[in-house]
Structures are given as structure tokens and as C-alpha cells.
N, C-alpha and C. Protein backbone atom coordinates (compact mmCIF):
# COMPACT_ATOMS: atom_id res chain seq x y z
N SER A 1 -4.54 -18.63 16.87
CA SER A 1 -3.88 -18.83 18.16
C SER A 1 -3.61 -20.31 18.46
N LYS A 2 -3.85 -21.18 17.50
CA LYS A 2 -3.60 -22.62 17.70
C LYS A 2 -2.10 -22.89 17.87
N PRO A 3 -1.76 -23.94 18.61
CA PRO A 3 -0.34 -24.23 18.83
C PRO A 3 0.36 -24.80 17.60
N GLU A 4 -0.39 -25.38 16.68
CA GLU A 4 0.23 -25.99 15.51
C GLU A 4 0.61 -24.91 14.49
N PRO A 5 1.92 -24.80 14.14
CA PRO A 5 2.37 -23.76 13.20
C PRO A 5 1.64 -23.81 11.86
N GLU A 6 1.38 -25.01 11.35
CA GLU A 6 0.75 -25.10 10.04
C GLU A 6 -0.66 -24.52 10.05
N LEU A 7 -1.36 -24.69 11.15
CA LEU A 7 -2.69 -24.09 11.25
C LEU A 7 -2.60 -22.57 11.28
N ARG A 8 -1.60 -22.06 11.97
CA ARG A 8 -1.42 -20.60 12.01
C ARG A 8 -1.08 -20.07 10.62
N ARG A 9 -0.25 -20.81 9.89
CA ARG A 9 0.10 -20.38 8.53
C ARG A 9 -1.14 -20.33 7.64
N LEU A 10 -1.95 -21.35 7.72
CA LEU A 10 -3.17 -21.39 6.90
C LEU A 10 -4.13 -20.28 7.29
N ALA A 11 -4.26 -20.02 8.61
CA ALA A 11 -5.16 -18.98 9.08
C ALA A 11 -4.72 -17.61 8.59
N ILE A 12 -3.40 -17.35 8.66
CA ILE A 12 -2.87 -16.06 8.21
C ILE A 12 -3.04 -15.92 6.70
N LYS A 13 -2.77 -17.00 5.97
CA LYS A 13 -2.95 -16.97 4.51
C LYS A 13 -4.40 -16.66 4.16
N GLY A 14 -5.32 -17.30 4.87
CA GLY A 14 -6.74 -17.05 4.61
C GLY A 14 -7.14 -15.63 4.94
N LEU A 15 -6.63 -15.13 6.06
CA LEU A 15 -6.94 -13.75 6.46
C LEU A 15 -6.44 -12.75 5.42
N LEU A 16 -5.19 -12.94 4.98
CA LEU A 16 -4.61 -12.00 4.02
C LEU A 16 -5.30 -12.07 2.67
N SER A 17 -5.83 -13.24 2.32
CA SER A 17 -6.53 -13.38 1.03
C SER A 17 -7.81 -12.56 1.00
N LEU A 18 -8.32 -12.19 2.17
CA LEU A 18 -9.52 -11.37 2.25
C LEU A 18 -9.22 -9.88 2.05
N LYS A 19 -7.91 -9.55 1.95
CA LYS A 19 -7.46 -8.17 1.76
C LYS A 19 -8.07 -7.23 2.81
N PRO A 20 -7.83 -7.52 4.08
CA PRO A 20 -8.40 -6.69 5.15
C PRO A 20 -7.77 -5.31 5.19
N ASN A 21 -8.50 -4.36 5.78
CA ASN A 21 -7.95 -3.01 5.92
C ASN A 21 -6.95 -2.99 7.08
N LEU A 22 -6.26 -1.86 7.22
CA LEU A 22 -5.21 -1.75 8.22
C LEU A 22 -5.74 -1.99 9.63
N LYS A 23 -6.89 -1.44 9.93
CA LYS A 23 -7.46 -1.59 11.27
C LYS A 23 -7.68 -3.06 11.61
N ASP A 24 -8.21 -3.82 10.66
CA ASP A 24 -8.44 -5.24 10.91
C ASP A 24 -7.14 -6.03 10.97
N LEU A 25 -6.19 -5.65 10.12
CA LEU A 25 -4.88 -6.32 10.18
C LEU A 25 -4.25 -6.14 11.56
N GLU A 26 -4.28 -4.92 12.05
CA GLU A 26 -3.70 -4.66 13.36
C GLU A 26 -4.46 -5.39 14.46
N LYS A 27 -5.75 -5.48 14.30
CA LYS A 27 -6.56 -6.16 15.32
C LYS A 27 -6.29 -7.65 15.37
N TYR A 28 -6.19 -8.30 14.22
CA TYR A 28 -6.10 -9.75 14.20
C TYR A 28 -4.69 -10.30 14.14
N LEU A 29 -3.74 -9.47 13.71
CA LEU A 29 -2.36 -9.98 13.57
C LEU A 29 -1.38 -9.39 14.59
N ASN A 30 -1.47 -8.11 14.81
CA ASN A 30 -0.40 -7.42 15.52
C ASN A 30 -0.08 -8.01 16.88
N PHE A 31 -1.06 -8.14 17.74
CA PHE A 31 -0.79 -8.54 19.11
C PHE A 31 -0.69 -10.05 19.28
N LYS A 32 -1.28 -10.81 18.38
CA LYS A 32 -1.23 -12.26 18.52
C LYS A 32 -0.01 -12.90 17.88
N ARG A 33 0.39 -12.42 16.70
CA ARG A 33 1.35 -13.19 15.93
C ARG A 33 2.61 -12.44 15.53
N ARG A 34 2.78 -11.19 15.93
CA ARG A 34 3.96 -10.46 15.48
C ARG A 34 5.23 -10.98 16.15
N ASN A 35 5.07 -11.75 17.24
CA ASN A 35 6.21 -12.38 17.90
C ASN A 35 6.11 -13.90 17.85
N ASP A 36 5.52 -14.40 16.79
CA ASP A 36 5.36 -15.85 16.65
C ASP A 36 6.71 -16.56 16.76
N ARG A 37 6.70 -17.76 17.34
CA ARG A 37 7.95 -18.53 17.50
C ARG A 37 8.54 -18.93 16.16
N GLU A 38 7.70 -19.09 15.16
CA GLU A 38 8.16 -19.49 13.82
C GLU A 38 8.55 -18.23 13.04
N ILE A 39 9.81 -18.17 12.60
CA ILE A 39 10.31 -16.97 11.94
C ILE A 39 9.53 -16.64 10.67
N ASP A 40 9.18 -17.65 9.89
CA ASP A 40 8.47 -17.38 8.64
C ASP A 40 7.08 -16.79 8.90
N ILE A 41 6.43 -17.26 9.96
CA ILE A 41 5.13 -16.70 10.31
C ILE A 41 5.29 -15.26 10.82
N ARG A 42 6.29 -15.08 11.67
CA ARG A 42 6.55 -13.75 12.21
C ARG A 42 6.82 -12.77 11.08
N PHE A 43 7.63 -13.17 10.10
CA PHE A 43 7.94 -12.26 9.00
C PHE A 43 6.71 -11.98 8.15
N THR A 44 5.89 -13.00 7.89
CA THR A 44 4.66 -12.79 7.11
C THR A 44 3.78 -11.74 7.76
N VAL A 45 3.68 -11.81 9.09
CA VAL A 45 2.87 -10.84 9.83
C VAL A 45 3.50 -9.44 9.74
N TRP A 46 4.81 -9.37 9.97
CA TRP A 46 5.50 -8.09 9.86
C TRP A 46 5.35 -7.50 8.47
N GLN A 47 5.52 -8.32 7.44
CA GLN A 47 5.41 -7.85 6.05
C GLN A 47 4.02 -7.29 5.79
N ALA A 48 3.00 -8.00 6.25
CA ALA A 48 1.63 -7.55 6.02
C ALA A 48 1.36 -6.22 6.72
N LEU A 49 1.83 -6.08 7.95
CA LEU A 49 1.59 -4.86 8.71
C LEU A 49 2.39 -3.68 8.16
N LEU A 50 3.66 -3.92 7.85
CA LEU A 50 4.48 -2.84 7.28
C LEU A 50 3.96 -2.40 5.92
N SER A 51 3.56 -3.36 5.11
CA SER A 51 3.06 -3.04 3.77
C SER A 51 1.75 -2.27 3.82
N ALA A 52 1.01 -2.49 4.90
CA ALA A 52 -0.26 -1.78 5.05
C ALA A 52 -0.07 -0.40 5.66
N GLY A 53 1.17 -0.09 6.06
CA GLY A 53 1.46 1.23 6.61
C GLY A 53 1.28 1.33 8.11
N SER A 54 1.26 0.21 8.81
CA SER A 54 1.10 0.23 10.26
C SER A 54 2.33 0.84 10.92
N ASP A 55 2.10 1.63 11.97
CA ASP A 55 3.22 2.18 12.73
C ASP A 55 3.30 1.55 14.12
N GLN A 56 2.51 0.50 14.35
CA GLN A 56 2.50 -0.15 15.66
C GLN A 56 3.73 -1.04 15.89
N LEU A 57 4.53 -1.24 14.85
CA LEU A 57 5.73 -2.05 14.99
C LEU A 57 6.98 -1.22 15.25
N ASN A 58 6.84 0.09 15.18
CA ASN A 58 8.03 0.96 15.22
C ASN A 58 8.90 0.72 16.45
N ARG A 59 8.28 0.49 17.58
CA ARG A 59 9.06 0.30 18.80
C ARG A 59 9.81 -1.03 18.81
N GLN A 60 9.44 -1.90 17.90
CA GLN A 60 10.08 -3.22 17.86
C GLN A 60 11.15 -3.32 16.77
N PHE A 61 11.44 -2.23 16.09
CA PHE A 61 12.42 -2.29 15.01
C PHE A 61 13.78 -2.78 15.51
N LYS A 62 14.21 -2.27 16.67
CA LYS A 62 15.52 -2.66 17.17
C LYS A 62 15.60 -4.15 17.47
N SER A 63 14.55 -4.69 18.08
CA SER A 63 14.54 -6.14 18.37
C SER A 63 14.44 -6.94 17.08
N ALA A 64 13.72 -6.41 16.08
CA ALA A 64 13.58 -7.13 14.80
C ALA A 64 14.91 -7.24 14.08
N ALA A 65 15.80 -6.27 14.33
CA ALA A 65 17.12 -6.30 13.69
C ALA A 65 17.92 -7.52 14.14
N GLN A 66 17.49 -8.17 15.22
CA GLN A 66 18.21 -9.34 15.73
C GLN A 66 17.72 -10.64 15.10
N TRP A 67 16.54 -10.63 14.46
CA TRP A 67 16.04 -11.88 13.86
C TRP A 67 15.74 -11.79 12.37
N LEU A 68 15.54 -10.60 11.84
CA LEU A 68 15.31 -10.47 10.40
C LEU A 68 16.57 -10.87 9.64
N GLU A 69 16.40 -11.38 8.45
CA GLU A 69 17.51 -11.82 7.62
C GLU A 69 17.57 -10.98 6.34
N PRO A 70 18.74 -10.95 5.67
CA PRO A 70 18.87 -10.13 4.46
C PRO A 70 17.79 -10.38 3.41
N GLN A 71 17.40 -11.65 3.21
CA GLN A 71 16.36 -11.92 2.20
C GLN A 71 15.03 -11.28 2.57
N HIS A 72 14.79 -11.10 3.88
CA HIS A 72 13.57 -10.43 4.30
C HIS A 72 13.58 -8.97 3.85
N LEU A 73 14.73 -8.31 4.05
CA LEU A 73 14.83 -6.91 3.63
C LEU A 73 14.69 -6.76 2.12
N LYS A 74 15.30 -7.68 1.40
CA LYS A 74 15.20 -7.64 -0.06
C LYS A 74 13.75 -7.80 -0.50
N GLY A 75 13.01 -8.62 0.23
CA GLY A 75 11.59 -8.82 -0.10
C GLY A 75 10.75 -7.59 0.19
N LEU A 76 11.16 -6.80 1.16
CA LEU A 76 10.41 -5.60 1.53
C LEU A 76 10.83 -4.37 0.72
N ALA A 77 11.99 -4.43 0.08
CA ALA A 77 12.59 -3.25 -0.53
C ALA A 77 11.72 -2.60 -1.60
N LYS A 78 10.91 -3.37 -2.28
CA LYS A 78 10.09 -2.83 -3.37
C LYS A 78 8.81 -2.17 -2.87
N ASP A 79 8.55 -2.30 -1.58
CA ASP A 79 7.31 -1.78 -1.01
C ASP A 79 7.53 -0.37 -0.48
N GLU A 80 6.92 0.61 -1.10
CA GLU A 80 7.13 2.01 -0.73
C GLU A 80 6.51 2.37 0.62
N LYS A 81 5.62 1.53 1.13
CA LYS A 81 4.96 1.84 2.40
C LYS A 81 5.82 1.48 3.61
N VAL A 82 6.88 0.72 3.38
CA VAL A 82 7.77 0.40 4.48
C VAL A 82 8.60 1.64 4.78
N SER A 83 8.54 2.13 6.00
CA SER A 83 9.16 3.41 6.33
C SER A 83 10.67 3.37 6.20
N THR A 84 11.22 4.52 5.86
CA THR A 84 12.67 4.64 5.74
C THR A 84 13.34 4.45 7.10
N GLU A 85 12.62 4.77 8.18
CA GLU A 85 13.16 4.58 9.53
C GLU A 85 13.45 3.10 9.80
N PHE A 86 12.64 2.23 9.21
CA PHE A 86 12.86 0.79 9.37
C PHE A 86 14.24 0.40 8.86
N TYR A 87 14.62 0.89 7.68
CA TYR A 87 15.92 0.55 7.10
C TYR A 87 17.06 1.23 7.84
N ARG A 88 16.81 2.42 8.38
CA ARG A 88 17.85 3.07 9.19
C ARG A 88 18.19 2.21 10.41
N VAL A 89 17.15 1.71 11.07
CA VAL A 89 17.38 0.88 12.25
C VAL A 89 18.07 -0.43 11.87
N MET A 90 17.67 -1.02 10.76
CA MET A 90 18.31 -2.25 10.31
C MET A 90 19.80 -2.01 10.02
N THR A 91 20.10 -0.83 9.47
CA THR A 91 21.50 -0.50 9.16
C THR A 91 22.33 -0.34 10.42
N LEU A 92 21.79 0.37 11.39
CA LEU A 92 22.58 0.73 12.57
C LEU A 92 22.53 -0.31 13.69
N GLN A 93 21.48 -1.14 13.69
CA GLN A 93 21.30 -2.09 14.79
C GLN A 93 21.49 -3.55 14.37
N GLY A 94 21.48 -3.83 13.08
CA GLY A 94 21.54 -5.21 12.61
C GLY A 94 22.95 -5.75 12.48
N SER A 95 23.04 -6.99 12.09
CA SER A 95 24.33 -7.63 11.83
C SER A 95 25.01 -6.95 10.64
N GLU A 96 26.27 -7.27 10.42
CA GLU A 96 26.99 -6.67 9.29
C GLU A 96 26.29 -6.99 7.98
N GLU A 97 25.85 -8.23 7.82
CA GLU A 97 25.17 -8.62 6.58
C GLU A 97 23.86 -7.86 6.42
N LEU A 98 23.12 -7.72 7.50
CA LEU A 98 21.85 -6.99 7.45
C LEU A 98 22.10 -5.51 7.16
N SER A 99 23.13 -4.97 7.80
CA SER A 99 23.46 -3.55 7.61
C SER A 99 23.78 -3.25 6.16
N PHE A 100 24.60 -4.09 5.55
CA PHE A 100 25.01 -3.82 4.17
C PHE A 100 23.90 -4.12 3.17
N THR A 101 22.97 -5.00 3.54
CA THR A 101 21.79 -5.19 2.69
C THR A 101 20.95 -3.92 2.69
N SER A 102 20.79 -3.32 3.87
CA SER A 102 20.05 -2.05 3.96
C SER A 102 20.75 -0.95 3.17
N MET A 103 22.08 -0.93 3.24
CA MET A 103 22.82 0.07 2.48
C MET A 103 22.67 -0.16 0.97
N ASP A 104 22.59 -1.41 0.56
CA ASP A 104 22.33 -1.71 -0.86
C ASP A 104 20.99 -1.12 -1.29
N ILE A 105 20.01 -1.21 -0.39
CA ILE A 105 18.68 -0.67 -0.69
C ILE A 105 18.76 0.85 -0.81
N PHE A 106 19.49 1.50 0.10
CA PHE A 106 19.66 2.95 -0.01
C PHE A 106 20.36 3.32 -1.31
N GLU A 107 21.38 2.55 -1.68
CA GLU A 107 22.11 2.83 -2.92
C GLU A 107 21.19 2.74 -4.13
N SER A 108 20.31 1.73 -4.13
CA SER A 108 19.40 1.54 -5.27
C SER A 108 18.38 2.68 -5.38
N ARG A 109 18.17 3.41 -4.31
CA ARG A 109 17.18 4.49 -4.31
C ARG A 109 17.76 5.84 -4.73
N GLY A 110 19.07 5.88 -4.93
CA GLY A 110 19.69 7.09 -5.45
C GLY A 110 19.47 8.31 -4.59
N GLU A 111 19.13 9.43 -5.22
CA GLU A 111 19.02 10.72 -4.52
C GLU A 111 17.95 10.71 -3.44
N SER A 112 16.94 9.86 -3.58
CA SER A 112 15.87 9.84 -2.58
C SER A 112 16.36 9.32 -1.23
N ALA A 113 17.53 8.69 -1.22
CA ALA A 113 18.09 8.16 0.03
C ALA A 113 19.06 9.13 0.69
N LYS A 114 19.14 10.35 0.20
CA LYS A 114 20.11 11.33 0.70
C LYS A 114 20.03 11.49 2.22
N GLU A 115 18.84 11.74 2.76
CA GLU A 115 18.69 11.96 4.20
C GLU A 115 19.03 10.71 5.00
N ASP A 116 18.74 9.54 4.43
CA ASP A 116 19.07 8.29 5.11
C ASP A 116 20.58 8.12 5.20
N LEU A 117 21.28 8.44 4.13
CA LEU A 117 22.73 8.33 4.12
C LEU A 117 23.37 9.33 5.08
N ILE A 118 22.83 10.53 5.14
CA ILE A 118 23.32 11.53 6.09
C ILE A 118 23.14 11.00 7.51
N HIS A 119 22.00 10.41 7.78
CA HIS A 119 21.72 9.86 9.11
C HIS A 119 22.72 8.77 9.47
N VAL A 120 22.97 7.85 8.55
CA VAL A 120 23.92 6.76 8.80
C VAL A 120 25.32 7.32 8.99
N PHE A 121 25.71 8.28 8.15
CA PHE A 121 27.04 8.89 8.25
C PHE A 121 27.25 9.53 9.63
N LYS A 122 26.23 10.19 10.13
CA LYS A 122 26.34 10.88 11.42
C LYS A 122 26.24 9.93 12.61
N GLU A 123 25.44 8.88 12.48
CA GLU A 123 25.11 8.06 13.64
C GLU A 123 25.90 6.75 13.74
N SER A 124 26.45 6.27 12.64
CA SER A 124 27.12 4.97 12.67
C SER A 124 28.44 5.04 13.44
N SER A 125 28.71 3.98 14.19
CA SER A 125 29.99 3.85 14.89
C SER A 125 30.89 2.82 14.21
N GLU A 126 30.41 2.27 13.09
CA GLU A 126 31.17 1.27 12.34
C GLU A 126 31.85 1.93 11.14
N ALA A 127 33.16 1.78 11.05
CA ALA A 127 33.92 2.46 10.00
C ALA A 127 33.44 2.09 8.61
N LYS A 128 33.18 0.80 8.38
CA LYS A 128 32.76 0.37 7.04
C LYS A 128 31.44 1.01 6.63
N LEU A 129 30.50 1.10 7.57
CA LEU A 129 29.21 1.72 7.27
C LEU A 129 29.37 3.22 7.03
N THR A 130 30.13 3.88 7.91
CA THR A 130 30.33 5.31 7.77
C THR A 130 31.00 5.64 6.44
N ALA A 131 32.01 4.85 6.11
CA ALA A 131 32.74 5.08 4.85
C ALA A 131 31.84 4.88 3.65
N ARG A 132 31.03 3.83 3.69
CA ARG A 132 30.16 3.59 2.54
C ARG A 132 29.08 4.66 2.44
N ALA A 133 28.53 5.07 3.59
CA ALA A 133 27.53 6.13 3.56
C ALA A 133 28.10 7.40 2.95
N LEU A 134 29.33 7.75 3.33
CA LEU A 134 29.97 8.95 2.78
C LEU A 134 30.24 8.78 1.29
N SER A 135 30.66 7.61 0.88
CA SER A 135 30.93 7.36 -0.54
C SER A 135 29.66 7.51 -1.37
N LEU A 136 28.57 6.93 -0.91
CA LEU A 136 27.30 7.04 -1.63
C LEU A 136 26.78 8.48 -1.60
N LEU A 137 26.96 9.14 -0.46
CA LEU A 137 26.51 10.52 -0.33
C LEU A 137 27.27 11.44 -1.26
N THR A 138 28.56 11.15 -1.44
CA THR A 138 29.39 11.97 -2.33
C THR A 138 28.83 12.00 -3.74
N ASP A 139 28.36 10.87 -4.23
CA ASP A 139 27.81 10.80 -5.58
C ASP A 139 26.52 11.60 -5.72
N ILE A 140 25.87 11.89 -4.58
CA ILE A 140 24.61 12.63 -4.61
C ILE A 140 24.84 14.13 -4.44
N VAL A 141 25.61 14.50 -3.41
CA VAL A 141 25.74 15.93 -3.09
C VAL A 141 26.87 16.63 -3.84
N LYS A 142 27.88 15.88 -4.25
CA LYS A 142 28.99 16.40 -5.08
C LYS A 142 29.62 17.66 -4.47
N GLU A 143 29.65 18.76 -5.21
CA GLU A 143 30.33 19.98 -4.73
C GLU A 143 29.68 20.56 -3.48
N ALA A 144 28.42 20.23 -3.26
CA ALA A 144 27.71 20.80 -2.10
C ALA A 144 28.01 20.05 -0.80
N GLY A 145 28.83 19.03 -0.87
CA GLY A 145 29.06 18.20 0.31
C GLY A 145 30.34 18.49 1.05
N LEU A 146 30.91 19.67 0.88
CA LEU A 146 32.22 19.97 1.46
C LEU A 146 32.24 19.77 2.98
N ASP A 147 31.17 20.16 3.67
CA ASP A 147 31.12 20.01 5.12
C ASP A 147 31.19 18.53 5.52
N PHE A 148 30.55 17.66 4.76
CA PHE A 148 30.61 16.23 5.04
C PHE A 148 32.03 15.70 4.84
N TYR A 149 32.67 16.15 3.78
CA TYR A 149 34.03 15.68 3.48
C TYR A 149 35.01 16.15 4.57
N ARG A 150 34.83 17.38 5.03
CA ARG A 150 35.67 17.89 6.11
C ARG A 150 35.49 17.06 7.38
N LYS A 151 34.25 16.72 7.67
CA LYS A 151 33.99 15.89 8.85
C LYS A 151 34.63 14.52 8.67
N GLY A 152 34.58 14.00 7.44
CA GLY A 152 35.20 12.72 7.16
C GLY A 152 36.71 12.76 7.36
N LEU A 153 37.33 13.88 7.02
CA LEU A 153 38.77 14.02 7.19
C LEU A 153 39.19 14.00 8.65
N SER A 154 38.28 14.36 9.54
CA SER A 154 38.58 14.38 10.97
C SER A 154 38.21 13.08 11.67
N SER A 155 37.74 12.10 10.90
CA SER A 155 37.36 10.82 11.49
C SER A 155 38.57 10.09 12.06
N ARG A 156 38.35 9.30 13.07
CA ARG A 156 39.44 8.50 13.65
C ARG A 156 39.72 7.25 12.82
N ASP A 157 38.82 6.95 11.88
CA ASP A 157 38.93 5.72 11.08
C ASP A 157 39.62 6.00 9.74
N PRO A 158 40.74 5.34 9.45
CA PRO A 158 41.45 5.55 8.18
C PRO A 158 40.56 5.30 6.97
N GLU A 159 39.68 4.31 7.06
CA GLU A 159 38.80 3.99 5.94
C GLU A 159 37.90 5.17 5.58
N VAL A 160 37.41 5.85 6.60
CA VAL A 160 36.54 7.01 6.38
C VAL A 160 37.35 8.18 5.82
N ARG A 161 38.55 8.39 6.37
CA ARG A 161 39.39 9.48 5.89
C ARG A 161 39.78 9.27 4.43
N ALA A 162 40.03 8.03 4.05
CA ALA A 162 40.38 7.73 2.65
C ALA A 162 39.24 8.13 1.72
N VAL A 163 38.00 7.81 2.11
CA VAL A 163 36.84 8.19 1.29
C VAL A 163 36.70 9.70 1.24
N ALA A 164 36.94 10.36 2.37
CA ALA A 164 36.82 11.82 2.41
C ALA A 164 37.87 12.49 1.51
N PHE A 165 39.10 11.98 1.52
CA PHE A 165 40.12 12.52 0.63
C PHE A 165 39.73 12.31 -0.83
N ASN A 166 39.18 11.17 -1.12
CA ASN A 166 38.74 10.88 -2.49
C ASN A 166 37.66 11.87 -2.92
N ALA A 167 36.73 12.17 -1.98
CA ALA A 167 35.67 13.15 -2.27
C ALA A 167 36.26 14.54 -2.49
N MET A 168 37.25 14.90 -1.68
CA MET A 168 37.92 16.20 -1.87
C MET A 168 38.62 16.25 -3.22
N ARG A 169 39.23 15.15 -3.61
CA ARG A 169 39.88 15.08 -4.93
C ARG A 169 38.90 15.37 -6.04
N ARG A 170 37.69 14.85 -5.90
CA ARG A 170 36.69 14.98 -6.95
C ARG A 170 35.99 16.34 -6.97
N PHE A 171 35.74 16.89 -5.78
CA PHE A 171 34.81 18.02 -5.75
C PHE A 171 35.27 19.26 -4.97
N ALA A 172 36.36 19.19 -4.23
CA ALA A 172 36.76 20.37 -3.43
C ALA A 172 37.25 21.50 -4.33
N PRO A 173 36.90 22.74 -4.03
CA PRO A 173 37.38 23.88 -4.82
C PRO A 173 38.84 24.17 -4.50
N LYS A 174 39.48 24.97 -5.33
CA LYS A 174 40.90 25.28 -5.12
C LYS A 174 41.13 26.04 -3.81
N SER A 175 40.10 26.72 -3.33
CA SER A 175 40.23 27.43 -2.06
C SER A 175 40.43 26.47 -0.88
N SER A 176 40.20 25.20 -1.11
CA SER A 176 40.39 24.19 -0.05
C SER A 176 41.79 23.60 -0.06
N LEU A 177 42.65 24.08 -0.94
CA LEU A 177 43.97 23.47 -1.11
C LEU A 177 44.77 23.42 0.20
N GLU A 178 44.75 24.50 0.95
CA GLU A 178 45.55 24.57 2.18
C GLU A 178 45.09 23.53 3.21
N GLU A 179 43.77 23.36 3.37
CA GLU A 179 43.29 22.38 4.34
C GLU A 179 43.56 20.95 3.86
N VAL A 180 43.54 20.73 2.55
CA VAL A 180 43.91 19.42 2.03
C VAL A 180 45.38 19.15 2.30
N ARG A 181 46.22 20.16 2.10
CA ARG A 181 47.65 20.00 2.35
C ARG A 181 47.92 19.69 3.82
N THR A 182 47.25 20.42 4.70
CA THR A 182 47.44 20.20 6.14
C THR A 182 47.00 18.80 6.54
N ALA A 183 45.85 18.38 6.04
CA ALA A 183 45.35 17.04 6.35
C ALA A 183 46.28 15.97 5.80
N MET A 184 46.83 16.21 4.62
CA MET A 184 47.76 15.26 4.01
C MET A 184 49.02 15.13 4.86
N GLU A 185 49.54 16.25 5.32
CA GLU A 185 50.78 16.24 6.11
C GLU A 185 50.58 15.56 7.47
N ASN A 186 49.34 15.61 7.99
CA ASN A 186 49.05 15.00 9.29
C ASN A 186 48.66 13.53 9.18
N GLU A 187 48.45 13.06 7.96
CA GLU A 187 48.00 11.67 7.76
C GLU A 187 49.17 10.70 7.87
N ARG A 188 48.96 9.61 8.61
CA ARG A 188 50.02 8.63 8.83
C ARG A 188 49.71 7.25 8.24
N LYS A 189 48.47 6.98 7.97
CA LYS A 189 48.10 5.67 7.45
C LYS A 189 48.28 5.62 5.93
N PRO A 190 48.79 4.50 5.39
CA PRO A 190 49.14 4.43 3.96
C PRO A 190 47.99 4.71 3.00
N HIS A 191 46.84 4.06 3.21
CA HIS A 191 45.75 4.21 2.25
C HIS A 191 45.22 5.65 2.19
N PRO A 192 44.80 6.22 3.33
CA PRO A 192 44.33 7.62 3.24
C PRO A 192 45.42 8.60 2.83
N ARG A 193 46.67 8.30 3.16
CA ARG A 193 47.77 9.20 2.75
C ARG A 193 47.92 9.20 1.23
N ALA A 194 47.76 8.03 0.62
CA ALA A 194 47.82 7.96 -0.84
C ALA A 194 46.66 8.75 -1.46
N GLU A 195 45.46 8.59 -0.87
CA GLU A 195 44.30 9.34 -1.36
C GLU A 195 44.51 10.83 -1.14
N ALA A 196 45.18 11.19 -0.04
CA ALA A 196 45.44 12.60 0.25
C ALA A 196 46.34 13.22 -0.81
N ALA A 197 47.36 12.49 -1.22
CA ALA A 197 48.28 13.00 -2.24
C ALA A 197 47.54 13.22 -3.56
N ARG A 198 46.66 12.27 -3.91
CA ARG A 198 45.88 12.42 -5.15
C ARG A 198 44.97 13.65 -5.04
N ALA A 199 44.37 13.80 -3.86
CA ALA A 199 43.48 14.94 -3.66
C ALA A 199 44.23 16.27 -3.77
N TYR A 200 45.42 16.32 -3.18
CA TYR A 200 46.19 17.56 -3.21
C TYR A 200 46.57 17.93 -4.64
N ILE A 201 46.99 16.95 -5.42
CA ILE A 201 47.36 17.21 -6.81
C ILE A 201 46.15 17.70 -7.60
N ALA A 202 45.01 17.01 -7.41
CA ALA A 202 43.81 17.37 -8.17
C ALA A 202 43.32 18.76 -7.81
N VAL A 203 43.28 19.07 -6.51
CA VAL A 203 42.78 20.38 -6.09
C VAL A 203 43.73 21.49 -6.52
N SER A 204 45.03 21.21 -6.48
CA SER A 204 46.00 22.23 -6.88
C SER A 204 45.90 22.59 -8.36
N GLN A 205 45.33 21.70 -9.15
CA GLN A 205 45.21 21.94 -10.58
C GLN A 205 43.86 22.54 -10.98
N ARG A 206 43.00 22.78 -9.97
CA ARG A 206 41.73 23.41 -10.27
C ARG A 206 41.95 24.84 -10.77
N LYS A 207 41.09 25.32 -11.58
CA LYS A 207 41.15 26.69 -12.05
C LYS A 207 40.41 27.62 -11.10
């Protein structure tokens, strides 16, 4: 609790070197230093608590999205004890750079990130995030993702519709040809319209 940052850094380093249990970590770090004025100290405390599996920080995830930086997320990405909810909040509440760093982490996790990608696809209001979530989800769910692709086709964002048409091109059955044709005819933006034409040709040639 000393005012000098260097003393706090040394104290935290010493405490962590003792490998304390979660209860002691929460007792000595959580309430005193999780909002430290020094970002590096604050992150060290957050990292220690998250890595130990503490859930006492959960209510602060949204505020943390305003000060955490991409390198912080990259440092936490290898730790399996950091909850997936943490990265969901970073994706939806953080800056563009923070959001896409979180999406990179989801991408690196492959099929295990399926539910996270579904969450982002449903909850994001940013076209770039929604489109990327759908693109990554497509590689996981493939033919089973028709409902997601249909929802993507009804998006107000051309970027999302383009990804949805691409997914239909890859995985939609021939029975979907009529809805692809209708969506193509209603499309006015150049990029998704081009993807729609490719999708229609591909689906029409299905057996």
C-alpha cells in the first residue's frame, strides 16, 4: 500500500514468488491493487488473479476493456484458467484493436471457440466483428450452419451479407437454391451481389 510504485512492484513480485493460494491472492491483491494507478502493476495483479481462477474480477471486465492493451491479451491467451467470458467482453466492449486481438485468440482455438463465435455473431453491433465471427464459424460448423448463414443474409451490413453468401456458396444444399436466388435478386451492393452470383452458380450445380 506504499505510495511509491517501485515498492509496490517489489512487494507484488515477492508475494507472487511465494506461490500463494487463491484465497491469499484475493485477500492481499484484489481489493488493494486491482485498480492501481500504474497500468503495469494493475495488469500484474489482474494476471495473477485470473490465472489463479478468481471470479472476483468478473464485474470489472467491462471497465478493464478500456485500459487493457492487445499485448496484455496475448500474454493471457496461453492460460486456460482465464475464462472465455473475459475474451467475449474484450471483443464486444474493447477498442477495435483489442476486439480483433480477442478474435485472433478465438481463431487460434479452433472448434473449442464455437460458442464464443456464436455469441459474438449474435451480440456484436460492429459489422467487421460480426462478419469475422461468421467467417470463422463457417469453417467450424460447415453444412450444419445454414441457420447462421440465413441470418447473415438478412443483415443490414453488406460486409456480413457477403460472408453469408460465401458460406452459402460453400455449404448450402441445392434445396436452398430458391432462397439464394431471391437474396441475390434483392441485393444492391456490389461486393455481396458478386458473392451472391457465385453462391447461386455453386448451389445450382449441387447434385
